[in-house]
Amino acid sequence: MPVNLELKVKLKSFSRVKKLLKVINAEFVKTLNQKDVYYKNHGELLKLRLENGEQSIIKYLRDEKGSDRFSNYEVLQIANGNAEKFFNIIFKTEAVVEKKRQLFMYDNTRVHLDSVKGLGNFLELETLVLNSKLDAKKRYYEIIKLLKLDQYESIRKSYRNLMIESRNDSYKK
């Protein structure tokens, strides 16, 4: 099962980070239009990702309370059919997150600049564990330093959780 080391921060805009990505020669890969449908599941998070015409189901387990935010995940590609309709019959939907993601790569770290409908702008890092967690941490902290992300407060929640909290807050008003 693959493992990532992850970071999420909220941004007012992407302009400063984009300039820094250019300075460090991060590679712009592509823009992704994503819809993540999160399903009720005990323990692990389970989501259907609809992305630029492709479909996949992703399950992952992340320790949100540990000092480092490592995530174990598995991705299953879905070749055809209407996956959303199919899974909505089987599972209860907890949250739907729609976002436009600009994907950059730097030293086996995925840098996501996400405009999330209803939540705002975020930057996510996903540093892939290749050799060891220690090696991943070294690369992870290097890009945090290069992008000056240590000045931001880390958000230790998935977009699912943020969306549910936002929905609950709007009910209270």
N, C-alpha and C. Protein backbone atom coordinates (compact mmCIF):
# COMPACT_ATOMS: atom_id res chain seq x y z
N MET A 1 0.85 -1.17 0.00
CA MET A 1 0.00 0.00 0.00
C MET A 1 0.89 1.24 0.00
N PRO A 2 0.72 2.16 -0.96
CA PRO A 2 1.55 3.38 -1.00
C PRO A 2 1.32 4.27 0.23
N VAL A 3 2.33 5.07 0.55
CA VAL A 3 2.26 5.98 1.70
C VAL A 3 2.73 7.36 1.27
N ASN A 4 2.00 8.39 1.71
CA ASN A 4 2.36 9.80 1.50
C ASN A 4 2.56 10.47 2.84
N LEU A 5 3.35 11.52 2.83
CA LEU A 5 3.43 12.46 3.95
C LEU A 5 2.75 13.73 3.46
N GLU A 6 1.74 14.22 4.21
CA GLU A 6 0.86 15.26 3.68
C GLU A 6 0.83 16.52 4.53
N LEU A 7 0.54 17.62 3.84
CA LEU A 7 0.34 18.93 4.46
C LEU A 7 -0.79 19.63 3.73
N LYS A 8 -1.62 20.35 4.49
CA LYS A 8 -2.66 21.19 3.89
C LYS A 8 -2.64 22.52 4.62
N VAL A 9 -2.65 23.63 3.83
CA VAL A 9 -2.75 24.98 4.40
C VAL A 9 -3.76 25.77 3.57
N LYS A 10 -4.41 26.72 4.22
CA LYS A 10 -5.35 27.60 3.54
C LYS A 10 -4.60 28.82 3.05
N LEU A 11 -4.91 29.26 1.82
CA LEU A 11 -4.27 30.43 1.22
C LEU A 11 -5.32 31.43 0.78
N LYS A 12 -4.94 32.71 0.81
CA LYS A 12 -5.83 33.74 0.26
C LYS A 12 -5.77 33.73 -1.27
N SER A 13 -4.56 33.53 -1.79
CA SER A 13 -4.38 33.44 -3.24
C SER A 13 -3.17 32.54 -3.52
N PHE A 14 -3.03 32.19 -4.79
CA PHE A 14 -1.94 31.30 -5.19
C PHE A 14 -0.74 32.06 -5.75
N SER A 15 -0.82 33.36 -5.93
CA SER A 15 0.20 34.10 -6.67
C SER A 15 1.60 33.96 -6.07
N ARG A 16 1.75 34.13 -4.77
CA ARG A 16 3.07 34.04 -4.14
C ARG A 16 3.64 32.63 -4.28
N VAL A 17 2.82 31.63 -4.04
CA VAL A 17 3.28 30.24 -4.13
C VAL A 17 3.65 29.89 -5.57
N LYS A 18 2.88 30.37 -6.54
CA LYS A 18 3.20 30.08 -7.95
C LYS A 18 4.55 30.67 -8.33
N LYS A 19 4.86 31.85 -7.82
CA LYS A 19 6.16 32.45 -8.10
C LYS A 19 7.29 31.59 -7.51
N LEU A 20 7.08 31.11 -6.29
CA LEU A 20 8.09 30.26 -5.66
C LEU A 20 8.22 28.91 -6.37
N LEU A 21 7.12 28.36 -6.84
CA LEU A 21 7.17 27.11 -7.61
C LEU A 21 8.00 27.29 -8.87
N LYS A 22 7.87 28.45 -9.48
CA LYS A 22 8.66 28.74 -10.69
C LYS A 22 10.15 28.86 -10.34
N VAL A 23 10.45 29.53 -9.23
CA VAL A 23 11.84 29.71 -8.80
C VAL A 23 12.52 28.37 -8.55
N ILE A 24 11.82 27.42 -7.96
CA ILE A 24 12.43 26.12 -7.63
C ILE A 24 12.31 25.12 -8.79
N ASN A 25 11.80 25.58 -9.93
CA ASN A 25 11.64 24.74 -11.12
C ASN A 25 10.72 23.54 -10.91
N ALA A 26 9.65 23.75 -10.13
CA ALA A 26 8.64 22.70 -9.99
C ALA A 26 7.94 22.58 -11.34
N GLU A 27 7.61 21.37 -11.72
CA GLU A 27 6.99 21.11 -13.02
C GLU A 27 5.47 21.20 -12.91
N PHE A 28 4.88 22.09 -13.72
CA PHE A 28 3.42 22.12 -13.80
C PHE A 28 3.01 20.91 -14.63
N VAL A 29 2.12 20.08 -14.09
CA VAL A 29 1.71 18.85 -14.76
C VAL A 29 0.42 19.08 -15.53
N LYS A 30 -0.64 19.51 -14.83
CA LYS A 30 -1.92 19.76 -15.49
C LYS A 30 -2.93 20.31 -14.49
N THR A 31 -4.04 20.78 -15.04
CA THR A 31 -5.17 21.22 -14.23
C THR A 31 -6.19 20.10 -14.22
N LEU A 32 -6.70 19.80 -13.03
CA LEU A 32 -7.65 18.72 -12.84
C LEU A 32 -8.96 19.27 -12.30
N ASN A 33 -10.05 18.87 -12.90
CA ASN A 33 -11.37 19.17 -12.36
C ASN A 33 -11.83 17.93 -11.62
N GLN A 34 -11.96 18.06 -10.31
CA GLN A 34 -12.24 16.89 -9.49
C GLN A 34 -13.56 17.05 -8.73
N LYS A 35 -14.25 15.94 -8.63
CA LYS A 35 -15.41 15.83 -7.76
C LYS A 35 -15.16 14.59 -6.91
N ASP A 36 -15.07 14.78 -5.60
CA ASP A 36 -14.86 13.68 -4.67
C ASP A 36 -16.15 13.45 -3.90
N VAL A 37 -16.67 12.24 -3.98
CA VAL A 37 -17.87 11.85 -3.25
C VAL A 37 -17.41 10.95 -2.11
N TYR A 38 -17.53 11.45 -0.87
CA TYR A 38 -17.10 10.70 0.31
C TYR A 38 -18.27 9.87 0.83
N TYR A 39 -17.98 8.61 1.11
CA TYR A 39 -19.00 7.68 1.58
C TYR A 39 -18.76 7.32 3.04
N LYS A 40 -19.84 7.05 3.73
CA LYS A 40 -19.76 6.61 5.12
C LYS A 40 -19.06 5.27 5.16
N ASN A 41 -18.00 5.20 5.95
CA ASN A 41 -17.19 4.00 6.05
C ASN A 41 -16.55 4.01 7.43
N HIS A 42 -16.48 2.90 8.08
CA HIS A 42 -15.90 2.86 9.43
C HIS A 42 -14.38 2.80 9.36
N GLY A 43 -13.74 3.72 10.04
CA GLY A 43 -12.28 3.72 10.13
C GLY A 43 -11.60 4.48 9.02
N GLU A 44 -11.52 3.90 7.85
CA GLU A 44 -10.83 4.53 6.73
C GLU A 44 -11.77 5.46 5.98
N LEU A 45 -11.18 6.42 5.28
CA LEU A 45 -11.97 7.28 4.40
C LEU A 45 -12.12 6.59 3.06
N LEU A 46 -13.30 6.72 2.47
CA LEU A 46 -13.60 6.10 1.18
C LEU A 46 -14.24 7.16 0.30
N LYS A 47 -13.65 7.37 -0.87
CA LYS A 47 -14.21 8.37 -1.78
C LYS A 47 -14.14 7.90 -3.21
N LEU A 48 -15.12 8.36 -3.96
CA LEU A 48 -15.14 8.18 -5.41
C LEU A 48 -14.61 9.47 -5.99
N ARG A 49 -13.61 9.39 -6.84
CA ARG A 49 -13.06 10.58 -7.49
C ARG A 49 -13.43 10.55 -8.96
N LEU A 50 -14.10 11.61 -9.38
CA LEU A 50 -14.41 11.84 -10.79
C LEU A 50 -13.47 12.96 -11.21
N GLU A 51 -12.59 12.64 -12.20
CA GLU A 51 -11.52 13.57 -12.53
C GLU A 51 -11.30 13.59 -14.04
N ASN A 52 -11.64 14.72 -14.64
CA ASN A 52 -11.41 14.91 -16.07
C ASN A 52 -11.88 13.70 -16.89
N GLY A 53 -13.07 13.19 -16.58
CA GLY A 53 -13.65 12.08 -17.33
C GLY A 53 -13.25 10.69 -16.85
N GLU A 54 -12.34 10.61 -15.87
CA GLU A 54 -11.93 9.31 -15.33
C GLU A 54 -12.57 9.12 -13.96
N GLN A 55 -12.65 7.84 -13.54
CA GLN A 55 -13.27 7.50 -12.26
C GLN A 55 -12.36 6.56 -11.49
N SER A 56 -12.25 6.80 -10.18
CA SER A 56 -11.50 5.88 -9.32
C SER A 56 -12.10 5.91 -7.92
N ILE A 57 -11.93 4.81 -7.23
CA ILE A 57 -12.34 4.75 -5.83
C ILE A 57 -11.05 4.73 -5.01
N ILE A 58 -11.02 5.55 -3.98
CA ILE A 58 -9.81 5.72 -3.17
C ILE A 58 -10.17 5.47 -1.71
N LYS A 59 -9.40 4.62 -1.07
CA LYS A 59 -9.56 4.46 0.38
C LYS A 59 -8.23 4.82 1.02
N TYR A 60 -8.33 5.51 2.15
CA TYR A 60 -7.09 5.86 2.82
C TYR A 60 -7.30 6.00 4.31
N LEU A 61 -6.22 5.82 5.01
CA LEU A 61 -6.17 5.91 6.46
C LEU A 61 -5.05 6.88 6.80
N ARG A 62 -5.41 7.90 7.56
CA ARG A 62 -4.41 8.92 7.90
C ARG A 62 -4.51 9.22 9.38
N ASP A 63 -3.36 9.31 10.03
CA ASP A 63 -3.31 9.67 11.44
C ASP A 63 -3.30 11.19 11.55
N GLU A 64 -4.46 11.76 11.88
CA GLU A 64 -4.57 13.22 11.97
C GLU A 64 -4.00 13.76 13.29
N LYS A 65 -3.72 12.88 14.25
CA LYS A 65 -3.25 13.33 15.56
C LYS A 65 -1.75 13.15 15.75
N GLY A 66 -1.11 12.38 14.89
CA GLY A 66 0.33 12.15 15.02
C GLY A 66 1.14 13.39 14.67
N SER A 67 2.42 13.36 15.01
CA SER A 67 3.26 14.53 14.73
C SER A 67 3.43 14.74 13.22
N ASP A 68 3.45 13.66 12.46
CA ASP A 68 3.53 13.75 11.01
C ASP A 68 2.25 13.16 10.43
N ARG A 69 1.83 13.69 9.31
CA ARG A 69 0.55 13.30 8.71
C ARG A 69 0.80 12.31 7.58
N PHE A 70 1.13 11.06 7.94
CA PHE A 70 1.32 10.02 6.95
C PHE A 70 -0.03 9.43 6.58
N SER A 71 -0.17 9.10 5.31
CA SER A 71 -1.42 8.55 4.79
C SER A 71 -1.14 7.29 4.00
N ASN A 72 -1.80 6.19 4.37
CA ASN A 72 -1.77 4.95 3.59
C ASN A 72 -2.98 4.97 2.68
N TYR A 73 -2.78 4.67 1.41
CA TYR A 73 -3.91 4.77 0.48
C TYR A 73 -3.85 3.70 -0.60
N GLU A 74 -5.00 3.44 -1.17
CA GLU A 74 -5.11 2.55 -2.32
C GLU A 74 -6.07 3.20 -3.31
N VAL A 75 -5.76 3.08 -4.59
CA VAL A 75 -6.58 3.64 -5.66
C VAL A 75 -6.98 2.51 -6.60
N LEU A 76 -8.26 2.42 -6.88
CA LEU A 76 -8.78 1.43 -7.81
C LEU A 76 -9.43 2.18 -8.97
N GLN A 77 -8.86 2.04 -10.17
CA GLN A 77 -9.41 2.69 -11.37
C GLN A 77 -10.70 1.97 -11.78
N ILE A 78 -11.68 2.74 -12.21
CA ILE A 78 -12.95 2.20 -12.68
C ILE A 78 -13.03 2.47 -14.17
N ALA A 79 -13.11 1.41 -14.95
CA ALA A 79 -12.98 1.52 -16.41
C ALA A 79 -14.21 2.12 -17.09
N ASN A 80 -15.39 1.76 -16.66
CA ASN A 80 -16.57 2.27 -17.37
C ASN A 80 -17.78 2.27 -16.46
N GLY A 81 -18.89 2.75 -16.98
CA GLY A 81 -20.12 2.80 -16.22
C GLY A 81 -20.26 4.10 -15.45
N ASN A 82 -21.38 4.24 -14.80
CA ASN A 82 -21.65 5.41 -13.99
C ASN A 82 -21.35 5.05 -12.54
N ALA A 83 -20.11 5.23 -12.14
CA ALA A 83 -19.65 4.82 -10.81
C ALA A 83 -20.41 5.57 -9.71
N GLU A 84 -20.67 6.84 -9.92
CA GLU A 84 -21.35 7.61 -8.88
C GLU A 84 -22.74 7.04 -8.61
N LYS A 85 -23.48 6.76 -9.63
CA LYS A 85 -24.82 6.18 -9.47
C LYS A 85 -24.72 4.83 -8.78
N PHE A 86 -23.78 4.01 -9.20
CA PHE A 86 -23.58 2.68 -8.64
C PHE A 86 -23.26 2.75 -7.15
N PHE A 87 -22.25 3.56 -6.77
CA PHE A 87 -21.83 3.63 -5.37
C PHE A 87 -22.86 4.34 -4.49
N ASN A 88 -23.62 5.28 -5.06
CA ASN A 88 -24.66 5.96 -4.27
C ASN A 88 -25.77 5.00 -3.86
N ILE A 89 -25.94 3.92 -4.59
CA ILE A 89 -26.94 2.90 -4.22
C ILE A 89 -26.40 2.05 -3.06
N ILE A 90 -25.11 1.79 -3.06
CA ILE A 90 -24.50 0.90 -2.07
C ILE A 90 -24.15 1.62 -0.76
N PHE A 91 -23.62 2.84 -0.87
CA PHE A 91 -23.12 3.56 0.29
C PHE A 91 -23.92 4.84 0.55
N LYS A 92 -23.85 5.30 1.80
CA LYS A 92 -24.44 6.59 2.17
C LYS A 92 -23.40 7.68 1.93
N THR A 93 -23.78 8.72 1.18
CA THR A 93 -22.88 9.84 0.91
C THR A 93 -22.79 10.74 2.13
N GLU A 94 -21.55 11.05 2.54
CA GLU A 94 -21.32 11.96 3.66
C GLU A 94 -21.06 13.39 3.20
N ALA A 95 -20.31 13.54 2.12
CA ALA A 95 -19.95 14.87 1.64
C ALA A 95 -19.53 14.78 0.19
N VAL A 96 -19.72 15.89 -0.52
CA VAL A 96 -19.25 16.00 -1.90
C VAL A 96 -18.35 17.23 -1.96
N VAL A 97 -17.15 17.05 -2.49
CA VAL A 97 -16.17 18.14 -2.59
C VAL A 97 -15.83 18.32 -4.06
N GLU A 98 -16.07 19.54 -4.56
CA GLU A 98 -15.72 19.86 -5.94
C GLU A 98 -14.58 20.86 -5.92
N LYS A 99 -13.57 20.58 -6.76
CA LYS A 99 -12.42 21.47 -6.76
C LYS A 99 -11.75 21.50 -8.12
N LYS A 100 -11.06 22.61 -8.34
CA LYS A 100 -10.18 22.75 -9.49
C LYS A 100 -8.77 22.68 -8.92
N ARG A 101 -8.01 21.71 -9.38
CA ARG A 101 -6.67 21.45 -8.83
C ARG A 101 -5.62 21.72 -9.89
N GLN A 102 -4.64 22.56 -9.54
CA GLN A 102 -3.46 22.75 -10.37
C GLN A 102 -2.37 21.87 -9.76
N LEU A 103 -1.88 20.93 -10.55
CA LEU A 103 -0.93 19.95 -10.05
C LEU A 103 0.49 20.29 -10.52
N PHE A 104 1.40 20.36 -9.56
CA PHE A 104 2.83 20.57 -9.81
C PHE A 104 3.58 19.41 -9.17
N MET A 105 4.77 19.10 -9.69
CA MET A 105 5.63 18.06 -9.11
C MET A 105 6.99 18.66 -8.77
N TYR A 106 7.51 18.26 -7.61
CA TYR A 106 8.86 18.65 -7.20
C TYR A 106 9.45 17.50 -6.38
N ASP A 107 10.46 16.83 -6.89
CA ASP A 107 11.19 15.79 -6.16
C ASP A 107 10.25 14.77 -5.51
N ASN A 108 9.38 14.16 -6.31
CA ASN A 108 8.41 13.17 -5.85
C ASN A 108 7.42 13.71 -4.81
N THR A 109 7.20 15.01 -4.84
CA THR A 109 6.15 15.64 -4.04
C THR A 109 5.15 16.26 -4.99
N ARG A 110 3.90 15.87 -4.80
CA ARG A 110 2.80 16.48 -5.55
C ARG A 110 2.41 17.75 -4.81
N VAL A 111 2.39 18.86 -5.53
CA VAL A 111 1.95 20.14 -4.96
C VAL A 111 0.61 20.45 -5.61
N HIS A 112 -0.42 20.55 -4.80
CA HIS A 112 -1.77 20.83 -5.29
C HIS A 112 -2.16 22.25 -4.90
N LEU A 113 -2.58 23.02 -5.87
CA LEU A 113 -3.19 24.32 -5.60
C LEU A 113 -4.68 24.12 -5.89
N ASP A 114 -5.46 24.05 -4.83
CA ASP A 114 -6.87 23.67 -4.93
C ASP A 114 -7.80 24.84 -4.67
N SER A 115 -8.69 25.09 -5.62
CA SER A 115 -9.82 26.01 -5.41
C SER A 115 -11.02 25.12 -5.13
N VAL A 116 -11.45 25.10 -3.87
CA VAL A 116 -12.49 24.18 -3.42
C VAL A 116 -13.81 24.94 -3.28
N LYS A 117 -14.80 24.47 -4.01
CA LYS A 117 -16.13 25.10 -4.00
C LYS A 117 -16.68 25.11 -2.57
N GLY A 118 -17.01 26.31 -2.10
CA GLY A 118 -17.58 26.47 -0.77
C GLY A 118 -16.59 26.57 0.36
N LEU A 119 -15.30 26.32 0.09
CA LEU A 119 -14.29 26.36 1.16
C LEU A 119 -13.17 27.35 0.91
N GLY A 120 -12.79 27.59 -0.34
CA GLY A 120 -11.72 28.53 -0.64
C GLY A 120 -10.50 27.90 -1.27
N ASN A 121 -9.35 28.56 -1.11
CA ASN A 121 -8.09 28.15 -1.74
C ASN A 121 -7.18 27.45 -0.73
N PHE A 122 -6.59 26.34 -1.18
CA PHE A 122 -5.71 25.55 -0.33
C PHE A 122 -4.49 25.11 -1.12
N LEU A 123 -3.42 24.85 -0.39
CA LEU A 123 -2.24 24.19 -0.95
C LEU A 123 -2.11 22.87 -0.20
N GLU A 124 -1.89 21.80 -0.95
CA GLU A 124 -1.62 20.50 -0.36
C GLU A 124 -0.28 19.98 -0.89
N LEU A 125 0.47 19.36 -0.01
CA LEU A 125 1.68 18.63 -0.39
C LEU A 125 1.42 17.16 -0.13
N GLU A 126 1.87 16.32 -1.05
CA GLU A 126 1.86 14.87 -0.85
C GLU A 126 3.24 14.36 -1.26
N THR A 127 4.07 14.10 -0.28
CA THR A 127 5.41 13.58 -0.55
C THR A 127 5.36 12.06 -0.47
N LEU A 128 5.66 11.42 -1.57
CA LEU A 128 5.60 9.97 -1.66
C LEU A 128 6.77 9.34 -0.90
N VAL A 129 6.45 8.36 -0.05
CA VAL A 129 7.49 7.60 0.64
C VAL A 129 8.06 6.60 -0.36
N LEU A 130 9.32 6.77 -0.70
CA LEU A 130 9.98 5.89 -1.68
C LEU A 130 10.87 4.88 -0.98
N ASN A 131 11.89 5.36 -0.29
CA ASN A 131 12.86 4.48 0.36
C ASN A 131 12.53 4.27 1.83
N SER A 132 12.26 5.39 2.51
CA SER A 132 11.96 5.31 3.94
C SER A 132 11.16 6.55 4.34
N LYS A 133 10.53 6.46 5.48
CA LYS A 133 9.80 7.63 6.00
C LYS A 133 10.76 8.76 6.32
N LEU A 134 11.96 8.43 6.76
CA LEU A 134 12.97 9.45 7.07
C LEU A 134 13.35 10.22 5.82
N ASP A 135 13.56 9.52 4.71
CA ASP A 135 13.87 10.17 3.43
C ASP A 135 12.70 11.06 2.98
N ALA A 136 11.48 10.57 3.12
CA ALA A 136 10.30 11.36 2.74
C ALA A 136 10.21 12.62 3.59
N LYS A 137 10.47 12.50 4.88
CA LYS A 137 10.41 13.67 5.76
C LYS A 137 11.44 14.72 5.35
N LYS A 138 12.63 14.27 4.95
CA LYS A 138 13.68 15.20 4.51
C LYS A 138 13.20 15.99 3.29
N ARG A 139 12.65 15.27 2.29
CA ARG A 139 12.17 15.94 1.07
C ARG A 139 10.95 16.83 1.37
N TYR A 140 10.10 16.38 2.25
CA TYR A 140 8.89 17.11 2.65
C TYR A 140 9.26 18.45 3.31
N TYR A 141 10.16 18.39 4.29
CA TYR A 141 10.55 19.62 4.98
C TYR A 141 11.36 20.55 4.09
N GLU A 142 12.06 19.99 3.11
CA GLU A 142 12.79 20.83 2.16
C GLU A 142 11.81 21.69 1.34
N ILE A 143 10.75 21.09 0.83
CA ILE A 143 9.81 21.88 0.01
C ILE A 143 9.00 22.84 0.87
N ILE A 144 8.72 22.47 2.10
CA ILE A 144 8.05 23.41 3.01
C ILE A 144 8.91 24.66 3.18
N LYS A 145 10.20 24.46 3.34
CA LYS A 145 11.13 25.59 3.49
C LYS A 145 11.21 26.40 2.19
N LEU A 146 11.34 25.72 1.06
CA LEU A 146 11.45 26.42 -0.23
C LEU A 146 10.21 27.25 -0.56
N LEU A 147 9.04 26.73 -0.18
CA LEU A 147 7.79 27.44 -0.48
C LEU A 147 7.34 28.34 0.69
N LYS A 148 8.15 28.38 1.75
CA LYS A 148 7.88 29.22 2.92
C LYS A 148 6.51 28.91 3.52
N LEU A 149 6.22 27.63 3.63
CA LEU A 149 4.92 27.20 4.14
C LEU A 149 4.87 27.09 5.65
N ASP A 150 6.05 27.18 6.30
CA ASP A 150 6.08 27.05 7.75
C ASP A 150 5.41 28.22 8.46
N GLN A 151 5.10 29.29 7.73
CA GLN A 151 4.41 30.44 8.33
C GLN A 151 2.89 30.25 8.40
N TYR A 152 2.40 29.17 7.78
CA TYR A 152 0.97 28.89 7.77
C TYR A 152 0.64 27.81 8.80
N GLU A 153 -0.58 27.88 9.30
CA GLU A 153 -1.05 26.84 10.21
C GLU A 153 -1.51 25.64 9.40
N SER A 154 -1.00 24.48 9.76
CA SER A 154 -1.37 23.25 9.07
C SER A 154 -2.80 22.86 9.43
N ILE A 155 -3.56 22.46 8.43
CA ILE A 155 -4.92 21.98 8.64
C ILE A 155 -4.87 20.46 8.65
N ARG A 156 -5.24 19.88 9.75
CA ARG A 156 -5.12 18.43 9.93
C ARG A 156 -6.48 17.77 9.76
N LYS A 157 -7.12 18.07 8.64
CA LYS A 157 -8.44 17.52 8.32
C LYS A 157 -8.53 17.32 6.82
N SER A 158 -9.37 16.38 6.42
CA SER A 158 -9.62 16.19 4.99
C SER A 158 -10.63 17.25 4.53
N TYR A 159 -10.73 17.42 3.21
CA TYR A 159 -11.76 18.30 2.68
C TYR A 159 -13.15 17.81 3.10
N ARG A 160 -13.30 16.50 3.22
CA ARG A 160 -14.56 15.92 3.71
C ARG A 160 -14.94 16.53 5.04
N ASN A 161 -14.01 16.49 6.00
CA ASN A 161 -14.28 17.03 7.33
C ASN A 161 -14.58 18.52 7.28
N LEU A 162 -13.80 19.26 6.49
CA LEU A 162 -14.02 20.70 6.37
C LEU A 162 -15.40 21.00 5.78
N MET A 163 -15.81 20.20 4.80
CA MET A 163 -17.12 20.40 4.17
C MET A 163 -18.24 20.09 5.17
N ILE A 164 -18.10 19.02 5.92
CA ILE A 164 -19.12 18.66 6.92
C ILE A 164 -19.20 19.74 7.99
N GLU A 165 -18.05 20.25 8.47
CA GLU A 165 -18.05 21.33 9.47
C GLU A 165 -18.70 22.59 8.91
N SER A 166 -18.39 22.92 7.65
CA SER A 166 -18.97 24.09 7.02
C SER A 166 -20.49 23.96 6.92
N ARG A 167 -20.93 22.79 6.54
CA ARG A 167 -22.37 22.53 6.43
C ARG A 167 -23.03 22.63 7.80
N ASN A 168 -22.40 22.08 8.85
CA ASN A 168 -22.96 22.15 10.18
C ASN A 168 -23.00 23.58 10.70
N ASP A 169 -21.96 24.37 10.38
CA ASP A 169 -21.94 25.79 10.78
C ASP A 169 -23.07 26.56 10.13
N SER A 170 -23.35 26.25 8.87
CA SER A 170 -24.43 26.98 8.16
C SER A 170 -25.80 26.60 8.73
N TYR A 171 -25.94 25.38 9.26
CA TYR A 171 -27.19 24.99 9.89
C TYR A 171 -27.42 25.75 11.20
N LYS A 172 -26.34 26.07 11.89
CA LYS A 172 -26.44 26.77 13.18
C LYS A 172 -26.85 28.23 13.02
N LYS A 173 -26.61 28.80 11.84
CA LYS A 173 -26.89 30.22 11.64
C LYS A 173 -28.37 30.48 11.44
